[in-house]
Each structure stands twice: as C-alpha cells, then as structure tokens.
Protein backbone atom coordinates (compact mmCIF):
# COMPACT_ATOMS: atom_id res chain seq x y z
CA MET A 1 78.03 -103.23 120.31
CA PHE A 2 74.76 -103.03 118.36
CA ARG A 3 75.77 -106.01 116.21
CA ARG A 4 76.83 -108.05 119.23
CA LEU A 5 73.51 -107.61 121.00
CA PHE A 6 71.05 -107.65 118.12
CA PHE A 7 72.65 -110.00 115.60
CA VAL A 8 70.39 -112.96 116.44
CA PRO A 9 67.01 -111.17 116.12
CA LEU A 10 68.19 -109.40 112.96
CA LEU A 11 69.39 -112.71 111.50
CA TYR A 12 66.01 -114.24 112.29
CA LEU A 13 64.23 -111.54 110.28
CA VAL A 14 66.70 -111.81 107.41
CA THR A 15 66.35 -115.60 107.39
CA VAL A 16 62.57 -115.41 107.18
CA TYR A 17 62.78 -112.94 104.29
CA TYR A 18 65.26 -114.95 102.26
CA SER A 19 63.43 -118.20 103.03
CA ILE A 20 60.22 -116.79 101.58
CA ARG A 21 62.07 -115.54 98.50
CA MET A 22 63.71 -118.93 98.05
CA MET A 23 60.39 -120.73 98.13
CA GLN A 24 59.18 -118.56 95.26
CA VAL A 25 61.82 -120.08 92.97
CA ASP A 26 60.67 -122.98 90.78
CA PRO A 27 63.52 -125.53 90.82
CA GLU A 28 62.20 -127.11 87.62
CA LYS A 29 62.37 -123.87 85.64
CA ALA A 30 65.20 -121.96 87.33
CA THR A 31 68.74 -121.86 85.98
CA PRO A 32 71.45 -123.06 88.41
CA GLU A 33 72.31 -119.42 89.07
CA GLU A 34 68.69 -118.57 89.87
CA TYR A 35 68.31 -121.66 92.06
CA ASP A 36 71.44 -120.82 94.06
CA TYR A 37 70.83 -117.07 94.28
CA TRP A 38 68.84 -116.67 97.49
CA GLY A 39 70.95 -119.06 99.54
CA LEU A 40 74.07 -117.14 98.57
CA LYS A 41 72.36 -113.83 99.31
CA TRP A 42 71.35 -115.09 102.75
CA GLY A 43 74.90 -116.23 103.52
CA ASP A 44 76.33 -112.90 102.42
CA ALA A 45 73.74 -110.97 104.46
CA ALA A 46 74.46 -113.04 107.59
CA VAL A 47 78.22 -112.46 107.31
CA ARG A 48 77.72 -108.72 106.81
CA LEU A 49 75.25 -108.51 109.70
CA ALA A 50 77.73 -110.24 111.99
CA GLY A 51 80.52 -107.93 110.84
CA ILE A 52 83.02 -110.79 110.83
CA ARG A 53 86.32 -110.91 108.95
CA ILE A 54 87.21 -114.06 107.01
CA GLU A 55 90.65 -115.15 105.90
CA ALA A 56 90.38 -118.12 103.52
CA ASP A 57 93.07 -120.24 101.92
CA LEU A 58 91.40 -122.60 99.44
CA GLY A 59 94.64 -123.98 98.05
CA GLU A 60 94.03 -126.10 94.95
CA VAL A 61 90.23 -125.95 95.09
CA ASP A 62 88.69 -124.88 91.79
CA PRO A 63 86.31 -121.98 92.63
CA LYS A 64 83.78 -123.47 90.20
CA GLY A 65 84.66 -127.11 90.90
CA HIS A 66 82.43 -130.01 91.87
CA TYR A 67 83.40 -131.67 95.16
CA VAL A 68 82.30 -133.23 98.41
CA PHE A 69 83.36 -130.88 101.23
CA ILE A 70 84.07 -132.29 104.69
CA GLY A 71 84.28 -129.63 107.41
CA ASN A 72 84.41 -129.17 111.17
CA HIS A 73 81.44 -127.57 112.89
CA GLN A 74 81.44 -125.10 115.81
CA SER A 75 78.71 -122.57 115.22
CA ASN A 76 75.60 -121.60 113.28
CA LEU A 77 77.92 -119.11 111.57
CA ASP A 78 79.74 -121.96 109.79
CA ILE A 79 76.99 -122.17 107.20
CA PRO A 80 76.96 -118.52 106.05
CA VAL A 81 80.77 -118.45 106.17
CA LEU A 82 80.95 -121.43 103.82
CA PHE A 83 78.30 -119.93 101.53
CA ARG A 84 80.55 -116.87 101.27
CA VAL A 85 83.83 -118.77 100.80
CA LEU A 86 82.49 -121.48 98.46
CA LYS A 87 80.00 -119.34 96.57
CA GLY A 88 80.94 -120.77 93.16
CA ASN A 89 80.81 -124.44 94.11
CA ARG A 90 77.02 -124.92 94.29
CA ILE A 91 77.14 -126.20 97.85
CA ARG A 92 74.28 -127.76 99.81
CA PHE A 93 74.46 -128.87 103.43
CA VAL A 94 73.74 -132.29 104.88
CA ALA A 95 71.82 -131.30 108.02
CA LYS A 96 69.88 -132.85 110.88
CA LYS A 97 66.13 -133.34 110.57
CA SER A 98 65.24 -130.89 113.37
CA LEU A 99 66.37 -127.96 111.19
CA PHE A 100 63.88 -128.99 108.53
CA ASP A 101 61.09 -128.91 111.12
CA ILE A 102 61.57 -125.16 111.78
CA PRO A 103 58.63 -123.18 110.32
CA ILE A 104 59.41 -121.35 107.05
CA TYR A 105 63.16 -121.89 107.31
CA GLY A 106 62.87 -125.67 107.23
CA LYS A 107 60.66 -125.59 104.15
CA ALA A 108 63.14 -123.29 102.44
CA LEU A 109 65.98 -125.69 103.28
CA ALA A 110 64.16 -128.57 101.62
CA HIS A 111 63.03 -126.44 98.68
CA SER A 112 66.57 -125.27 97.97
CA GLY A 113 67.97 -128.80 97.92
CA HIS A 114 69.69 -129.19 101.27
CA ILE A 115 69.75 -132.78 102.49
CA CYS A 116 67.90 -133.93 105.61
CA ILE A 117 69.43 -136.66 107.78
CA ASP A 118 67.17 -138.34 110.36
CA ARG A 119 69.64 -139.89 112.80
CA GLU A 120 66.85 -141.39 114.91
CA ASN A 121 65.57 -143.58 112.07
CA ARG A 122 68.13 -145.89 110.48
CA ARG A 123 66.05 -146.62 107.39
CA ALA A 124 65.32 -142.93 106.81
CA ALA A 125 68.98 -142.12 107.39
CA MET A 126 70.09 -144.61 104.72
CA LYS A 127 67.55 -143.12 102.31
CA SER A 128 68.96 -139.66 103.05
CA LEU A 129 72.48 -140.85 102.29
CA SER A 130 71.26 -142.08 98.90
CA GLU A 131 69.53 -138.76 98.30
CA ALA A 132 72.77 -136.92 99.07
CA VAL A 133 74.62 -139.07 96.54
CA ASP A 134 71.93 -138.40 93.92
CA ARG A 135 72.13 -134.66 94.58
CA ALA A 136 75.91 -134.79 94.18
CA LYS A 137 75.59 -136.57 90.86
CA GLU A 138 73.19 -133.84 89.69
CA GLY A 139 75.90 -131.20 90.10
CA ILE A 140 75.55 -130.16 93.75
CA SER A 141 78.58 -130.13 96.05
CA PRO A 142 77.48 -131.61 99.41
CA VAL A 143 78.93 -130.10 102.58
CA ILE A 144 79.19 -132.63 105.41
CA PHE A 145 79.93 -131.95 109.08
CA PRO A 146 81.17 -135.37 110.23
CA GLU A 147 81.24 -134.39 113.91
CA GLY A 148 77.44 -134.53 113.69
CA THR A 149 76.81 -131.47 115.86
CA ARG A 150 78.42 -128.19 116.87
CA ASN A 151 81.59 -128.74 118.84
CA THR A 152 81.80 -126.80 122.11
CA GLU A 153 85.32 -128.03 122.96
CA LEU A 154 87.29 -125.73 120.69
CA SER A 155 90.75 -127.13 121.45
CA GLN A 156 90.27 -130.12 119.15
CA LEU A 157 87.84 -131.76 116.75
CA MET A 158 85.19 -134.23 117.90
CA GLU A 159 85.17 -137.84 116.75
CA PHE A 160 83.84 -138.21 113.19
CA LYS A 161 80.79 -140.26 112.19
CA VAL A 162 81.01 -142.59 109.23
CA GLY A 163 77.86 -141.56 107.33
CA GLY A 164 79.60 -138.68 105.58
CA MET A 165 82.30 -141.03 104.37
CA ILE A 166 79.66 -143.20 102.68
CA ILE A 167 78.31 -140.16 100.82
CA ALA A 168 81.81 -139.12 99.75
CA LEU A 169 82.77 -142.55 98.48
CA LYS A 170 79.49 -143.31 96.70
CA ALA A 171 79.39 -139.88 95.04
CA GLY A 172 82.81 -140.53 93.53
CA LEU A 173 83.72 -136.83 93.63
CA PRO A 174 87.01 -135.33 94.80
CA VAL A 175 86.87 -134.84 98.57
CA VAL A 176 87.97 -131.52 100.06
CA PRO A 177 88.72 -131.50 103.81
CA ILE A 178 88.17 -127.98 105.10
CA VAL A 179 88.91 -126.62 108.59
CA MET A 180 87.61 -123.47 110.25
CA THR A 181 88.54 -121.71 113.46
CA ASN A 182 86.97 -118.99 115.61
CA THR A 183 83.33 -119.28 114.55
CA GLY A 184 82.80 -120.98 117.91
CA ARG A 185 84.49 -118.09 119.71
CA ILE A 186 82.31 -115.59 117.89
CA MET A 187 79.02 -117.43 118.44
CA SER A 188 79.12 -120.66 120.42
CA LYS A 189 76.31 -123.19 120.63
CA GLY A 190 73.32 -121.80 122.52
CA LYS A 191 74.66 -118.25 122.63
CA LEU A 192 72.34 -115.35 121.72
CA THR A 193 75.01 -112.66 121.38
CA ILE A 194 78.20 -112.55 119.34
CA ASP A 195 81.77 -111.35 119.75
CA ASN A 196 82.91 -110.51 116.23
CA ARG A 197 86.49 -109.57 117.11
CA PRO A 198 88.21 -112.89 116.25
CA VAL A 199 89.11 -113.47 112.59
CA VAL A 200 87.44 -116.52 111.04
CA ARG A 201 90.12 -118.64 109.39
CA VAL A 202 89.24 -121.18 106.71
CA LYS A 203 91.72 -123.57 105.14
CA ALA A 204 91.16 -126.21 102.46
CA LEU A 205 93.50 -129.19 102.69
CA PRO A 206 94.81 -131.17 99.70
CA VAL A 207 92.04 -132.70 97.62
CA ILE A 208 91.54 -136.45 98.14
CA ASP A 209 90.88 -138.83 95.26
CA PRO A 210 88.01 -141.07 96.47
CA SER A 211 89.26 -143.94 94.31
CA GLU A 212 92.06 -144.37 96.85
CA TYR A 213 89.46 -145.94 99.17
CA THR A 214 86.81 -148.61 98.67
CA LEU A 215 83.43 -148.40 100.37
CA LYS A 216 84.61 -151.12 102.76
CA GLU A 217 87.46 -148.79 103.76
CA ARG A 218 85.15 -146.01 104.91
CA GLU A 219 86.42 -146.33 108.49
CA LYS A 220 89.96 -145.81 107.25
CA LEU A 221 88.86 -142.74 105.29
CA LYS A 222 87.17 -141.44 108.43
CA ASP A 223 90.30 -141.95 110.53
CA ASP A 224 92.62 -140.50 107.89
CA LEU A 225 90.42 -137.43 107.50
CA PHE A 226 90.22 -136.90 111.24
CA ASP A 227 94.00 -137.10 111.69
CA MET A 228 94.63 -134.76 108.76
CA MET A 229 91.98 -132.24 109.74
CA ASN A 230 92.73 -132.23 113.46
CA THR A 231 96.43 -131.56 112.76
CA ALA A 232 95.55 -128.72 110.37
CA TYR A 233 93.03 -127.38 112.89
CA GLN A 234 95.69 -127.19 115.61
CA GLU A 235 98.00 -125.30 113.22
CA LEU A 236 95.21 -122.88 112.35
CA LEU A 237 94.38 -122.36 116.02
CA ALA A 238 97.96 -121.32 116.66
CA GLN A 239 97.44 -118.35 114.34
CA GLY A 240 94.89 -116.94 116.78
C-alpha cells in the first residue's frame, strides 16, 4: 500500500538525485560505462521503488548488441523497465521536447544523450532525426516509441508515426521490435498512484535487417512493424 500511494513523490526525489549526479559526468572524459551508469541506476531504482515484476523474453537479441529498438508506449514506467531489461545495449530514448523543458530532469536528459524531438517544428524535427542517426552511429542504441505518446487504449496499439522508421533506416542498424504489456495497468497516463500487482511482460520479436527496405519504403516498414507488433501484443495480452 505504501508503494502504491507514495511511488510518484518518491520517484520525483530519486529522479532529481540521479539527474544531478548525471550532470556531474563529463561526457568527453567518461568511459561508456561511466556515461551510462546513472541512467541505469535511475531505471533500477524506479523499478525497485515500484515493486514491479518483469518477465522478459529477448529472443535473439545480443545483450551487448547495437540496435534500433522500436517499442509500444503505455506508461512512464516503460522507460525504467527498458533500462532494466536492455541494460547492456547502451540505450537512449527519442523523446518529445516537453520532457527536456522540465527543470533539472530535462537538462539531465540532454546531458546523458537522449534525443529531443520537437513535433511542432518541422525543421527542428528533421534536425532531431539526423541527430538520432548520428548518435546511433556513435554506438548508442536509440529506443523509439512510434505511437508518439502513451497509449490509453490498452486493447491494441495506436497507429505508428513514420519518423522512427526514418531513423531506423538511416542508422542502418538491426531493428528490434519490442512489445510490452501491463505497464499501462500499473500506472496509466495521468495517474498519481500505482497498482503493482500485474506482471510486466516484455518480448523482443525477430530482428529485422534494415537493408530489406529502402528509405522510400519507410511507410511499408511502418505498416509491417505495426502488424507484427500488434499481433505479438495481442498474444502477450492473452497471458494476463
């Protein structure tokens, strides 16, 4: 009961602490392990604070591999869950600009290499897509939520946006579709309490070779990913 009622204020305090620690890291001098450390610690702390159980099937994904991850999005918990599950893959999230405007936390996001997308400004959005590709080529594994926002209709996935497909194709990295269930049941959009009884299920689908699609076929990639992920999502939902 304590966790359910006080998770959000406790997470706020933990986030401020780890954000400050992250901003003390010099990206130019830090090793990859040092640069990734505080983000991973924050994700682990958030999962432990929530008291959630995670069952993950990563299939053929190399735990140290370099990929573009494409995932569905239901909850603020998706981010710490993926930090926990993909801790060896050097992930960074492609996130909306408003998150980067949050005091302290937003600065830490930028400092740690997460990628800001300004959907209200087309020119800035295109620049952000290029930045995401550059980050991927530097060794980071971008995590993209192609639904564009947290889905409140948990029976199926929302329509995908094409921007994430452009990043995936231009980066030239293997693409890993990944589906999650029950984070939205535990902590839905706008909710200030949690119900940590459901098990969070995470499943990686077969890795996609981006050379199978040209940049002009990004709509086809989007549609193929949606069909594949929505089918897998329904199967995962059936497990409860």
